[in-house]
Amino acid sequence: MSFAEIDRQEREWADRARKAQAAAAQAYERLLSLAENGDSGQVRSVAYLMAMRAS
């Protein structure tokens, strides 16, 4: 495998990682918004569990 091919693959992986992180951040923001503004106990519970795992 050539250096150019490895470099191309690394750029592709970095781009895919950015897209996945952006999608995850949007989903997390939506969950937090629902937990703060909604009345669903299930959403609030999921947000709480995620916060506990992150700390």
N, C-alpha and C. Protein backbone atom coordinates (compact mmCIF):
# COMPACT_ATOMS: atom_id res chain seq x y z
N MET A 1 0.85 -1.16 0.00
CA MET A 1 0.00 0.00 0.00
C MET A 1 0.90 1.24 0.00
N SER A 2 0.58 2.16 -0.86
CA SER A 2 1.41 3.36 -0.99
C SER A 2 1.07 4.39 0.09
N PHE A 3 1.98 5.32 0.25
CA PHE A 3 1.76 6.41 1.21
C PHE A 3 0.51 7.19 0.85
N ALA A 4 0.31 7.44 -0.43
CA ALA A 4 -0.87 8.20 -0.87
C ALA A 4 -2.17 7.46 -0.51
N GLU A 5 -2.15 6.15 -0.66
CA GLU A 5 -3.34 5.35 -0.32
C GLU A 5 -3.60 5.38 1.18
N ILE A 6 -2.56 5.25 1.98
CA ILE A 6 -2.71 5.32 3.44
C ILE A 6 -3.22 6.70 3.85
N ASP A 7 -2.66 7.74 3.26
CA ASP A 7 -3.10 9.10 3.55
C ASP A 7 -4.57 9.30 3.19
N ARG A 8 -4.99 8.78 2.04
CA ARG A 8 -6.38 8.88 1.61
C ARG A 8 -7.30 8.16 2.60
N GLN A 9 -6.91 6.97 3.03
CA GLN A 9 -7.72 6.21 3.98
C GLN A 9 -7.84 6.95 5.31
N GLU A 10 -6.76 7.54 5.78
CA GLU A 10 -6.79 8.27 7.05
C GLU A 10 -7.73 9.47 6.95
N ARG A 11 -7.69 10.18 5.82
CA ARG A 11 -8.61 11.32 5.63
C ARG A 11 -10.06 10.84 5.59
N GLU A 12 -10.29 9.71 4.93
CA GLU A 12 -11.64 9.15 4.85
C GLU A 12 -12.14 8.75 6.24
N TRP A 13 -11.28 8.11 7.03
CA TRP A 13 -11.67 7.71 8.39
C TRP A 13 -11.96 8.93 9.26
N ALA A 14 -11.12 9.96 9.13
CA ALA A 14 -11.33 11.18 9.91
C ALA A 14 -12.65 11.85 9.52
N ASP A 15 -12.97 11.84 8.24
CA ASP A 15 -14.23 12.43 7.77
C ASP A 15 -15.42 11.63 8.31
N ARG A 16 -15.33 10.32 8.26
CA ARG A 16 -16.41 9.47 8.79
C ARG A 16 -16.57 9.68 10.29
N ALA A 17 -15.47 9.82 11.01
CA ALA A 17 -15.53 10.04 12.45
C ALA A 17 -16.20 11.38 12.76
N ARG A 18 -15.85 12.43 12.01
CA ARG A 18 -16.48 13.74 12.22
C ARG A 18 -17.98 13.67 12.00
N LYS A 19 -18.39 12.98 10.94
CA LYS A 19 -19.83 12.86 10.64
C LYS A 19 -20.55 12.08 11.74
N ALA A 20 -19.94 11.01 12.22
CA ALA A 20 -20.56 10.22 13.28
C ALA A 20 -20.65 11.02 14.57
N GLN A 21 -19.61 11.77 14.90
CA GLN A 21 -19.63 12.59 16.11
C GLN A 21 -20.66 13.69 16.01
N ALA A 22 -20.81 14.28 14.83
CA ALA A 22 -21.81 15.33 14.63
C ALA A 22 -23.22 14.77 14.82
N ALA A 23 -23.47 13.60 14.27
CA ALA A 23 -24.79 12.98 14.42
C ALA A 23 -25.05 12.63 15.88
N ALA A 24 -24.04 12.13 16.57
CA ALA A 24 -24.21 11.79 17.99
C ALA A 24 -24.46 13.05 18.82
N ALA A 25 -23.77 14.12 18.51
CA ALA A 25 -23.97 15.37 19.24
C ALA A 25 -25.37 15.91 19.03
N GLN A 26 -25.89 15.81 17.81
CA GLN A 26 -27.25 16.26 17.54
C GLN A 26 -28.27 15.40 18.30
N ALA A 27 -28.05 14.11 18.32
CA ALA A 27 -28.97 13.22 19.04
C ALA A 27 -28.92 13.50 20.54
N TYR A 28 -27.73 13.75 21.07
CA TYR A 28 -27.59 14.05 22.50
C TYR A 28 -28.27 15.37 22.84
N GLU A 29 -28.09 16.38 21.99
CA GLU A 29 -28.76 17.67 22.20
C GLU A 29 -30.27 17.51 22.19
N ARG A 30 -30.77 16.71 21.27
CA ARG A 30 -32.23 16.46 21.19
C ARG A 30 -32.71 15.77 22.47
N LEU A 31 -31.96 14.79 22.94
CA LEU A 31 -32.33 14.09 24.17
C LEU A 31 -32.36 15.06 25.35
N LEU A 32 -31.32 15.90 25.47
CA LEU A 32 -31.30 16.86 26.58
C LEU A 32 -32.45 17.84 26.49
N SER A 33 -32.75 18.29 25.28
CA SER A 33 -33.87 19.22 25.09
C SER A 33 -35.18 18.56 25.50
N LEU A 34 -35.38 17.33 25.10
CA LEU A 34 -36.60 16.60 25.48
C LEU A 34 -36.66 16.40 26.99
N ALA A 35 -35.53 16.09 27.59
CA ALA A 35 -35.50 15.86 29.04
C ALA A 35 -35.81 17.15 29.80
N GLU A 36 -35.31 18.28 29.30
CA GLU A 36 -35.52 19.55 30.00
C GLU A 36 -36.92 20.11 29.78
N ASN A 37 -37.47 19.88 28.58
CA ASN A 37 -38.73 20.54 28.23
C ASN A 37 -39.92 19.60 28.14
N GLY A 38 -39.69 18.32 28.06
CA GLY A 38 -40.79 17.38 27.89
C GLY A 38 -41.29 16.88 29.23
N ASP A 39 -42.34 16.09 29.15
CA ASP A 39 -42.91 15.55 30.38
C ASP A 39 -42.82 14.03 30.41
N SER A 40 -41.96 13.47 29.57
CA SER A 40 -41.81 12.03 29.54
C SER A 40 -40.80 11.58 30.59
N GLY A 41 -41.23 10.77 31.49
CA GLY A 41 -40.33 10.23 32.49
C GLY A 41 -39.27 9.34 31.88
N GLN A 42 -39.61 8.68 30.78
CA GLN A 42 -38.65 7.79 30.13
C GLN A 42 -37.48 8.59 29.57
N VAL A 43 -37.76 9.70 28.91
CA VAL A 43 -36.67 10.52 28.35
C VAL A 43 -35.80 11.04 29.47
N ARG A 44 -36.40 11.50 30.54
CA ARG A 44 -35.65 12.02 31.68
C ARG A 44 -34.76 10.93 32.28
N SER A 45 -35.29 9.73 32.37
CA SER A 45 -34.52 8.61 32.92
C SER A 45 -33.32 8.26 32.04
N VAL A 46 -33.52 8.24 30.74
CA VAL A 46 -32.43 7.92 29.81
C VAL A 46 -31.36 9.01 29.91
N ALA A 47 -31.76 10.27 29.93
CA ALA A 47 -30.80 11.37 30.05
C ALA A 47 -30.01 11.26 31.36
N TYR A 48 -30.69 10.92 32.42
CA TYR A 48 -30.03 10.76 33.72
C TYR A 48 -29.00 9.64 33.67
N LEU A 49 -29.38 8.49 33.10
CA LEU A 49 -28.46 7.37 33.01
C LEU A 49 -27.25 7.69 32.15
N MET A 50 -27.48 8.40 31.06
CA MET A 50 -26.35 8.80 30.21
C MET A 50 -25.42 9.75 30.94
N ALA A 51 -25.99 10.67 31.71
CA ALA A 51 -25.17 11.62 32.47
C ALA A 51 -24.35 10.90 33.53
N MET A 52 -24.93 9.90 34.15
CA MET A 52 -24.22 9.15 35.18
C MET A 52 -23.05 8.37 34.58
N ARG A 53 -23.23 7.84 33.39
CA ARG A 53 -22.15 7.08 32.73
C ARG A 53 -21.04 8.01 32.28
N ALA A 54 -21.38 9.25 31.95
CA ALA A 54 -20.38 10.19 31.43
C ALA A 54 -19.52 10.76 32.57
N SER A 55 -20.00 10.69 33.79
CA SER A 55 -19.24 11.29 34.88
C SER A 55 -18.30 10.29 35.53
